Amino acid sequence: MTGYDATTLPRAAALYGPQRIEYRVLHDLGTLLFQAGQMQEYIANLLRSEPVNSEALGMRIGYAKISAIDLYVSLNLLEEVLGRHPIAAPYPLSDLYENRMRTLEQQVKKVEDDRHYRDYWNNPYPTGTPQYEKREVLDMVCTVAAREAAKKEVSQNE
């Protein structure tokens, strides 16, 4: 198996040339936007509480991730053509991912702590029991009811 090194991007840029690389960037960007559009349809159906094929949605998510990586490589090639000396290693993506996950963890912990300590002094519920606002409970109940109704409607139509 061949690896890559610091010369891979310059050699590829010299081999393919600016026009083919620009086409590749446009193609990969279009592919990512297409996958995102397909995924958007599934997510809109979820929001409308319509039944969604979870396997198809999972495949769309996977295709979008792959398309994002393809676009990243194409953009690195374009930067090389433009003389910007891109970083070819995948670590900027992994570092960005790690930072986003740390931020998400902090946000989740803050919301969990806020719920836990919201009624700290007069909480009749045992510690560790999640507390929800009326709006959150109503949203959960309506979502579950709409999904159940959609499942019944689909099963009756079949």
N, C-alpha and C. Protein backbone atom coordinates (compact mmCIF):
# COMPACT_ATOMS: atom_id res chain seq x y z
N MET A 1 0.84 -1.18 0.00
CA MET A 1 0.00 0.00 0.00
C MET A 1 0.89 1.25 0.00
N THR A 2 0.54 2.18 -0.83
CA THR A 2 1.33 3.40 -0.92
C THR A 2 0.77 4.45 0.01
N GLY A 3 1.67 5.14 0.68
CA GLY A 3 1.26 6.23 1.54
C GLY A 3 1.42 7.54 0.80
N TYR A 4 1.24 8.60 1.52
CA TYR A 4 1.44 9.92 0.91
C TYR A 4 2.44 10.68 1.74
N ASP A 5 3.02 11.69 1.13
CA ASP A 5 3.97 12.52 1.84
C ASP A 5 3.79 13.96 1.39
N ALA A 6 4.74 14.80 1.72
CA ALA A 6 4.63 16.23 1.42
C ALA A 6 4.67 16.52 -0.07
N THR A 7 5.14 15.56 -0.88
CA THR A 7 5.24 15.81 -2.31
C THR A 7 3.98 15.38 -3.07
N THR A 8 3.06 14.72 -2.43
CA THR A 8 1.89 14.18 -3.12
C THR A 8 1.05 15.28 -3.76
N LEU A 9 0.70 16.30 -3.00
CA LEU A 9 -0.14 17.37 -3.55
C LEU A 9 0.55 18.15 -4.66
N PRO A 10 1.82 18.56 -4.51
CA PRO A 10 2.47 19.26 -5.63
C PRO A 10 2.56 18.40 -6.89
N ARG A 11 2.86 17.10 -6.72
CA ARG A 11 2.95 16.22 -7.89
C ARG A 11 1.58 16.06 -8.55
N ALA A 12 0.53 15.92 -7.73
CA ALA A 12 -0.82 15.79 -8.30
C ALA A 12 -1.25 17.07 -9.00
N ALA A 13 -0.93 18.21 -8.40
CA ALA A 13 -1.28 19.50 -9.03
C ALA A 13 -0.55 19.66 -10.36
N ALA A 14 0.71 19.25 -10.42
CA ALA A 14 1.47 19.35 -11.67
C ALA A 14 0.94 18.36 -12.71
N LEU A 15 0.55 17.19 -12.25
CA LEU A 15 0.07 16.15 -13.16
C LEU A 15 -1.29 16.49 -13.76
N TYR A 16 -2.23 16.91 -12.93
CA TYR A 16 -3.59 17.15 -13.40
C TYR A 16 -3.80 18.53 -13.99
N GLY A 17 -3.10 19.53 -13.46
CA GLY A 17 -3.24 20.88 -13.98
C GLY A 17 -4.44 21.60 -13.37
N PRO A 18 -4.46 22.93 -13.47
CA PRO A 18 -5.49 23.73 -12.82
C PRO A 18 -6.91 23.44 -13.30
N GLN A 19 -7.09 23.23 -14.61
CA GLN A 19 -8.44 23.07 -15.13
C GLN A 19 -9.09 21.79 -14.60
N ARG A 20 -8.37 20.69 -14.60
CA ARG A 20 -8.94 19.44 -14.10
C ARG A 20 -9.19 19.51 -12.60
N ILE A 21 -8.32 20.19 -11.88
CA ILE A 21 -8.50 20.31 -10.44
C ILE A 21 -9.71 21.20 -10.12
N GLU A 22 -9.86 22.29 -10.87
CA GLU A 22 -11.04 23.14 -10.67
C GLU A 22 -12.31 22.37 -10.97
N TYR A 23 -12.29 21.56 -12.01
CA TYR A 23 -13.45 20.72 -12.32
C TYR A 23 -13.71 19.73 -11.18
N ARG A 24 -12.64 19.15 -10.66
CA ARG A 24 -12.80 18.20 -9.55
C ARG A 24 -13.43 18.86 -8.32
N VAL A 25 -12.99 20.08 -8.01
CA VAL A 25 -13.56 20.81 -6.88
C VAL A 25 -15.05 21.04 -7.11
N LEU A 26 -15.40 21.50 -8.31
CA LEU A 26 -16.83 21.73 -8.62
C LEU A 26 -17.63 20.44 -8.53
N HIS A 27 -17.06 19.35 -9.05
CA HIS A 27 -17.75 18.06 -9.01
C HIS A 27 -17.95 17.59 -7.57
N ASP A 28 -16.90 17.66 -6.76
CA ASP A 28 -17.00 17.20 -5.37
C ASP A 28 -17.93 18.09 -4.55
N LEU A 29 -17.91 19.39 -4.83
CA LEU A 29 -18.84 20.29 -4.14
C LEU A 29 -20.28 19.97 -4.53
N GLY A 30 -20.51 19.73 -5.82
CA GLY A 30 -21.84 19.36 -6.29
C GLY A 30 -22.31 18.05 -5.68
N THR A 31 -21.40 17.09 -5.56
CA THR A 31 -21.75 15.80 -4.96
C THR A 31 -22.15 15.98 -3.49
N LEU A 32 -21.38 16.79 -2.78
CA LEU A 32 -21.71 17.04 -1.37
C LEU A 32 -23.06 17.73 -1.24
N LEU A 33 -23.31 18.72 -2.09
CA LEU A 33 -24.59 19.43 -2.04
C LEU A 33 -25.75 18.50 -2.41
N PHE A 34 -25.53 17.60 -3.37
CA PHE A 34 -26.56 16.63 -3.74
C PHE A 34 -26.87 15.72 -2.56
N GLN A 35 -25.83 15.20 -1.91
CA GLN A 35 -26.05 14.32 -0.76
C GLN A 35 -26.75 15.07 0.36
N ALA A 36 -26.36 16.32 0.57
CA ALA A 36 -27.02 17.12 1.61
C ALA A 36 -28.48 17.36 1.26
N GLY A 37 -28.78 17.59 0.00
CA GLY A 37 -30.16 17.79 -0.43
C GLY A 37 -31.00 16.55 -0.23
N GLN A 38 -30.43 15.38 -0.56
CA GLN A 38 -31.15 14.13 -0.33
C GLN A 38 -31.41 13.91 1.15
N MET A 39 -30.41 14.20 1.96
CA MET A 39 -30.57 14.04 3.40
C MET A 39 -31.58 15.03 3.95
N GLN A 40 -31.62 16.22 3.36
CA GLN A 40 -32.56 17.25 3.80
C GLN A 40 -33.99 16.78 3.63
N GLU A 41 -34.28 16.05 2.57
CA GLU A 41 -35.62 15.53 2.35
C GLU A 41 -36.02 14.57 3.47
N TYR A 42 -35.11 13.68 3.84
CA TYR A 42 -35.40 12.73 4.92
C TYR A 42 -35.62 13.46 6.25
N ILE A 43 -34.80 14.44 6.52
CA ILE A 43 -34.92 15.17 7.79
C ILE A 43 -36.20 15.98 7.82
N ALA A 44 -36.60 16.55 6.68
CA ALA A 44 -37.87 17.27 6.63
C ALA A 44 -39.03 16.32 6.89
N ASN A 45 -38.95 15.11 6.37
CA ASN A 45 -40.00 14.12 6.65
C ASN A 45 -40.03 13.76 8.13
N LEU A 46 -38.87 13.67 8.76
CA LEU A 46 -38.83 13.42 10.20
C LEU A 46 -39.51 14.54 10.97
N LEU A 47 -39.22 15.78 10.57
CA LEU A 47 -39.82 16.92 11.26
C LEU A 47 -41.33 16.98 11.07
N ARG A 48 -41.81 16.47 9.94
CA ARG A 48 -43.26 16.43 9.70
C ARG A 48 -43.88 15.18 10.31
N SER A 49 -43.07 14.39 11.01
CA SER A 49 -43.51 13.15 11.66
C SER A 49 -44.01 12.13 10.65
N GLU A 50 -43.44 12.14 9.47
CA GLU A 50 -43.75 11.14 8.46
C GLU A 50 -42.76 10.00 8.61
N PRO A 51 -43.17 8.79 8.24
CA PRO A 51 -42.25 7.66 8.37
C PRO A 51 -41.06 7.82 7.42
N VAL A 52 -39.88 7.45 7.91
CA VAL A 52 -38.64 7.58 7.15
C VAL A 52 -37.90 6.26 7.22
N ASN A 53 -37.35 5.86 6.10
CA ASN A 53 -36.52 4.66 6.05
C ASN A 53 -35.19 4.99 6.74
N SER A 54 -34.99 4.44 7.92
CA SER A 54 -33.79 4.79 8.70
C SER A 54 -32.51 4.29 8.03
N GLU A 55 -32.57 3.17 7.32
CA GLU A 55 -31.38 2.68 6.62
C GLU A 55 -30.98 3.64 5.50
N ALA A 56 -31.97 4.14 4.76
CA ALA A 56 -31.67 5.08 3.68
C ALA A 56 -31.10 6.39 4.24
N LEU A 57 -31.66 6.85 5.35
CA LEU A 57 -31.14 8.07 5.98
C LEU A 57 -29.70 7.84 6.45
N GLY A 58 -29.43 6.69 7.05
CA GLY A 58 -28.08 6.37 7.49
C GLY A 58 -27.10 6.33 6.32
N MET A 59 -27.55 5.78 5.19
CA MET A 59 -26.69 5.76 4.00
C MET A 59 -26.41 7.17 3.51
N ARG A 60 -27.44 8.03 3.53
CA ARG A 60 -27.24 9.41 3.08
C ARG A 60 -26.25 10.14 3.98
N ILE A 61 -26.33 9.89 5.28
CA ILE A 61 -25.38 10.51 6.21
C ILE A 61 -23.97 10.04 5.89
N GLY A 62 -23.80 8.74 5.65
CA GLY A 62 -22.49 8.20 5.30
C GLY A 62 -21.96 8.78 3.99
N TYR A 63 -22.83 8.88 2.98
CA TYR A 63 -22.42 9.46 1.69
C TYR A 63 -22.01 10.92 1.87
N ALA A 64 -22.72 11.66 2.71
CA ALA A 64 -22.37 13.07 2.94
C ALA A 64 -21.00 13.18 3.60
N LYS A 65 -20.71 12.29 4.55
CA LYS A 65 -19.39 12.31 5.19
C LYS A 65 -18.28 12.01 4.18
N ILE A 66 -18.50 11.01 3.32
CA ILE A 66 -17.51 10.65 2.31
C ILE A 66 -17.32 11.82 1.34
N SER A 67 -18.42 12.43 0.93
CA SER A 67 -18.34 13.56 0.00
C SER A 67 -17.59 14.73 0.62
N ALA A 68 -17.75 14.92 1.93
CA ALA A 68 -17.04 16.01 2.61
C ALA A 68 -15.54 15.76 2.57
N ILE A 69 -15.12 14.52 2.76
CA ILE A 69 -13.69 14.20 2.71
C ILE A 69 -13.15 14.37 1.28
N ASP A 70 -13.93 13.92 0.28
CA ASP A 70 -13.51 14.12 -1.11
C ASP A 70 -13.34 15.60 -1.42
N LEU A 71 -14.26 16.42 -0.95
CA LEU A 71 -14.16 17.86 -1.17
C LEU A 71 -12.94 18.43 -0.47
N TYR A 72 -12.63 17.94 0.72
CA TYR A 72 -11.45 18.41 1.46
C TYR A 72 -10.17 18.15 0.66
N VAL A 73 -10.06 16.95 0.07
CA VAL A 73 -8.89 16.62 -0.73
C VAL A 73 -8.83 17.52 -1.97
N SER A 74 -9.98 17.71 -2.62
CA SER A 74 -10.02 18.57 -3.81
C SER A 74 -9.63 20.01 -3.47
N LEU A 75 -10.10 20.50 -2.34
CA LEU A 75 -9.76 21.86 -1.94
C LEU A 75 -8.27 21.98 -1.63
N ASN A 76 -7.68 20.94 -1.06
CA ASN A 76 -6.23 20.94 -0.84
C ASN A 76 -5.48 21.01 -2.17
N LEU A 77 -5.97 20.26 -3.17
CA LEU A 77 -5.35 20.32 -4.48
C LEU A 77 -5.47 21.72 -5.08
N LEU A 78 -6.64 22.33 -4.92
CA LEU A 78 -6.85 23.67 -5.44
C LEU A 78 -5.92 24.67 -4.75
N GLU A 79 -5.76 24.53 -3.45
CA GLU A 79 -4.83 25.42 -2.72
C GLU A 79 -3.41 25.24 -3.24
N GLU A 80 -3.05 24.02 -3.55
CA GLU A 80 -1.72 23.76 -4.09
C GLU A 80 -1.54 24.44 -5.44
N VAL A 81 -2.56 24.37 -6.28
CA VAL A 81 -2.50 25.03 -7.59
C VAL A 81 -2.38 26.53 -7.43
N LEU A 82 -3.07 27.07 -6.43
CA LEU A 82 -3.05 28.51 -6.19
C LEU A 82 -1.80 28.96 -5.43
N GLY A 83 -0.97 28.00 -5.03
CA GLY A 83 0.27 28.34 -4.34
C GLY A 83 0.08 28.67 -2.87
N ARG A 84 -0.94 28.12 -2.24
CA ARG A 84 -1.21 28.45 -0.84
C ARG A 84 -0.61 27.44 0.13
N HIS A 85 0.03 26.39 -0.35
CA HIS A 85 0.69 25.38 0.48
C HIS A 85 -0.25 24.80 1.53
N PRO A 86 -1.18 23.95 1.10
CA PRO A 86 -2.16 23.38 2.03
C PRO A 86 -1.55 22.37 2.98
N ILE A 87 -2.26 22.10 4.03
CA ILE A 87 -1.86 21.06 4.97
C ILE A 87 -2.57 19.78 4.52
N ALA A 88 -1.81 18.82 4.05
CA ALA A 88 -2.40 17.61 3.48
C ALA A 88 -2.83 16.61 4.54
N ALA A 89 -2.27 16.72 5.72
CA ALA A 89 -2.60 15.76 6.77
C ALA A 89 -4.04 15.94 7.22
N PRO A 90 -4.68 14.85 7.62
CA PRO A 90 -6.07 14.95 8.06
C PRO A 90 -6.24 15.54 9.46
N TYR A 91 -5.16 15.85 10.15
CA TYR A 91 -5.30 16.31 11.53
C TYR A 91 -6.08 17.61 11.70
N PRO A 92 -6.09 18.55 10.75
CA PRO A 92 -6.95 19.71 10.98
C PRO A 92 -8.42 19.31 11.12
N LEU A 93 -8.85 18.32 10.34
CA LEU A 93 -10.23 17.86 10.47
C LEU A 93 -10.46 17.18 11.81
N SER A 94 -9.52 16.33 12.22
CA SER A 94 -9.71 15.63 13.48
C SER A 94 -9.62 16.59 14.66
N ASP A 95 -8.74 17.59 14.58
CA ASP A 95 -8.67 18.59 15.65
C ASP A 95 -9.96 19.39 15.72
N LEU A 96 -10.48 19.78 14.57
CA LEU A 96 -11.74 20.53 14.54
C LEU A 96 -12.88 19.67 15.10
N TYR A 97 -12.89 18.39 14.72
CA TYR A 97 -13.92 17.48 15.23
C TYR A 97 -13.82 17.36 16.75
N GLU A 98 -12.61 17.18 17.25
CA GLU A 98 -12.42 17.07 18.70
C GLU A 98 -12.89 18.34 19.42
N ASN A 99 -12.56 19.51 18.87
CA ASN A 99 -13.01 20.76 19.48
C ASN A 99 -14.52 20.88 19.48
N ARG A 100 -15.16 20.50 18.37
CA ARG A 100 -16.63 20.56 18.30
C ARG A 100 -17.27 19.59 19.30
N MET A 101 -16.67 18.41 19.46
CA MET A 101 -17.22 17.44 20.41
C MET A 101 -17.04 17.92 21.85
N ARG A 102 -15.91 18.57 22.14
CA ARG A 102 -15.71 19.13 23.49
C ARG A 102 -16.75 20.22 23.76
N THR A 103 -16.99 21.08 22.78
CA THR A 103 -17.99 22.14 22.92
C THR A 103 -19.37 21.54 23.14
N LEU A 104 -19.70 20.50 22.36
CA LEU A 104 -21.00 19.84 22.52
C LEU A 104 -21.14 19.24 23.91
N GLU A 105 -20.08 18.59 24.40
CA GLU A 105 -20.11 18.01 25.74
C GLU A 105 -20.34 19.08 26.80
N GLN A 106 -19.67 20.22 26.66
CA GLN A 106 -19.86 21.31 27.62
C GLN A 106 -21.30 21.83 27.59
N GLN A 107 -21.87 21.96 26.41
CA GLN A 107 -23.24 22.45 26.29
C GLN A 107 -24.22 21.46 26.91
N VAL A 108 -24.03 20.17 26.62
CA VAL A 108 -24.92 19.14 27.17
C VAL A 108 -24.80 19.11 28.69
N LYS A 109 -23.58 19.17 29.20
CA LYS A 109 -23.39 19.14 30.65
C LYS A 109 -24.06 20.34 31.31
N LYS A 110 -23.96 21.51 30.68
CA LYS A 110 -24.58 22.71 31.24
C LYS A 110 -26.10 22.56 31.30
N VAL A 111 -26.70 22.04 30.22
CA VAL A 111 -28.16 21.86 30.21
C VAL A 111 -28.57 20.82 31.25
N GLU A 112 -27.81 19.71 31.33
CA GLU A 112 -28.12 18.70 32.34
C GLU A 112 -28.01 19.26 33.75
N ASP A 113 -26.96 20.04 34.01
CA ASP A 113 -26.79 20.64 35.33
C ASP A 113 -27.91 21.64 35.62
N ASP A 114 -28.27 22.44 34.61
CA ASP A 114 -29.36 23.40 34.81
C ASP A 114 -30.66 22.69 35.15
N ARG A 115 -30.94 21.60 34.48
CA ARG A 115 -32.17 20.84 34.77
C ARG A 115 -32.10 20.22 36.16
N HIS A 116 -30.91 19.73 36.50
CA HIS A 116 -30.77 19.06 37.79
C HIS A 116 -30.90 20.05 38.95
N TYR A 117 -30.33 21.25 38.79
CA TYR A 117 -30.33 22.21 39.89
C TYR A 117 -31.45 23.24 39.79
N ARG A 118 -32.33 23.11 38.79
CA ARG A 118 -33.40 24.09 38.60
C ARG A 118 -34.28 24.20 39.85
N ASP A 119 -34.69 23.08 40.36
CA ASP A 119 -35.55 23.06 41.54
C ASP A 119 -34.82 22.38 42.70
N TYR A 120 -33.58 22.75 42.89
CA TYR A 120 -32.72 22.06 43.85
C TYR A 120 -33.31 22.10 45.27
N TRP A 121 -33.84 23.24 45.70
CA TRP A 121 -34.27 23.37 47.10
C TRP A 121 -35.58 22.68 47.38
N ASN A 122 -36.48 22.63 46.44
CA ASN A 122 -37.78 21.99 46.71
C ASN A 122 -38.10 20.94 45.66
N ASN A 123 -37.11 20.13 45.33
CA ASN A 123 -37.30 19.09 44.32
C ASN A 123 -37.86 17.84 44.99
N PRO A 124 -39.10 17.46 44.66
CA PRO A 124 -39.67 16.25 45.26
C PRO A 124 -39.15 14.97 44.61
N TYR A 125 -38.39 15.09 43.53
CA TYR A 125 -37.93 13.91 42.81
C TYR A 125 -36.54 13.52 43.27
N PRO A 126 -36.21 12.26 43.18
CA PRO A 126 -34.86 11.84 43.61
C PRO A 126 -33.78 12.43 42.70
N THR A 127 -32.59 12.52 43.25
CA THR A 127 -31.46 13.06 42.50
C THR A 127 -31.21 12.19 41.27
N GLY A 128 -30.92 12.84 40.16
CA GLY A 128 -30.65 12.12 38.92
C GLY A 128 -31.86 11.98 38.02
N THR A 129 -33.05 12.36 38.51
CA THR A 129 -34.24 12.30 37.69
C THR A 129 -34.29 13.55 36.82
N PRO A 130 -34.36 13.40 35.49
CA PRO A 130 -34.38 14.60 34.64
C PRO A 130 -35.67 15.37 34.81
N GLN A 131 -35.55 16.67 34.84
CA GLN A 131 -36.71 17.55 34.96
C GLN A 131 -36.90 18.27 33.63
N TYR A 132 -38.13 18.29 33.14
CA TYR A 132 -38.41 18.92 31.86
C TYR A 132 -39.43 20.04 32.05
N GLU A 133 -39.33 21.03 31.19
CA GLU A 133 -40.32 22.09 31.18
C GLU A 133 -41.57 21.57 30.48
N LYS A 134 -42.73 22.24 30.72
CA LYS A 134 -43.98 21.80 30.12
C LYS A 134 -43.89 21.78 28.60
N ARG A 135 -43.22 22.76 28.03
CA ARG A 135 -43.08 22.83 26.57
C ARG A 135 -42.31 21.62 26.04
N GLU A 136 -41.25 21.21 26.76
CA GLU A 136 -40.47 20.06 26.33
C GLU A 136 -41.29 18.77 26.39
N VAL A 137 -42.07 18.62 27.44
CA VAL A 137 -42.92 17.43 27.58
C VAL A 137 -43.97 17.40 26.48
N LEU A 138 -44.59 18.55 26.22
CA LEU A 138 -45.61 18.62 25.18
C LEU A 138 -45.00 18.29 23.81
N ASP A 139 -43.81 18.79 23.53
CA ASP A 139 -43.13 18.48 22.27
C ASP A 139 -42.87 16.98 22.15
N MET A 140 -42.40 16.36 23.23
CA MET A 140 -42.11 14.93 23.19
C MET A 140 -43.39 14.12 22.96
N VAL A 141 -44.45 14.46 23.68
CA VAL A 141 -45.71 13.73 23.56
C VAL A 141 -46.28 13.88 22.16
N CYS A 142 -46.27 15.10 21.62
CA CYS A 142 -46.81 15.34 20.28
C CYS A 142 -45.99 14.60 19.22
N THR A 143 -44.68 14.59 19.36
CA THR A 143 -43.83 13.89 18.40
C THR A 143 -44.11 12.40 18.41
N VAL A 144 -44.18 11.81 19.60
CA VAL A 144 -44.45 10.38 19.70
C VAL A 144 -45.83 10.06 19.15
N ALA A 145 -46.83 10.86 19.47
CA ALA A 145 -48.19 10.62 18.98
C ALA A 145 -48.26 10.74 17.46
N ALA A 146 -47.59 11.72 16.90
CA ALA A 146 -47.60 11.90 15.44
C ALA A 146 -46.91 10.73 14.75
N ARG A 147 -45.83 10.24 15.29
CA ARG A 147 -45.14 9.10 14.69
C ARG A 147 -46.00 7.84 14.77
N GLU A 148 -46.65 7.64 15.90
CA GLU A 148 -47.53 6.47 16.04
C GLU A 148 -48.70 6.57 15.06
N ALA A 149 -49.26 7.75 14.90
CA ALA A 149 -50.37 7.93 13.95
C ALA A 149 -49.90 7.68 12.53
N ALA A 150 -48.71 8.12 12.20
CA ALA A 150 -48.17 7.91 10.86
C ALA A 150 -47.92 6.43 10.61
N LYS A 151 -47.41 5.71 11.61
CA LYS A 151 -47.19 4.27 11.46
C LYS A 151 -48.52 3.54 11.26
N LYS A 152 -49.55 3.91 12.03
CA LYS A 152 -50.86 3.28 11.87
C LYS A 152 -51.45 3.56 10.50
N GLU A 153 -51.28 4.79 10.02
CA GLU A 153 -51.81 5.17 8.71
C GLU A 153 -51.11 4.39 7.60
N VAL A 154 -49.80 4.23 7.72
CA VAL A 154 -49.05 3.46 6.72
C VAL A 154 -49.47 2.01 6.74
N SER A 155 -49.64 1.44 7.93
CA SER A 155 -50.03 0.03 8.03
C SER A 155 -51.45 -0.19 7.54
N GLN A 156 -52.33 0.77 7.70
CA GLN A 156 -53.71 0.65 7.21
C GLN A 156 -53.77 0.79 5.70
N ASN A 157 -52.89 1.58 5.13
CA ASN A 157 -52.88 1.78 3.67
C ASN A 157 -52.29 0.59 2.95
N GLU A 158 -51.53 -0.23 3.63
CA GLU A 158 -50.88 -1.37 2.98
C GLU A 158 -51.77 -2.53 2.87
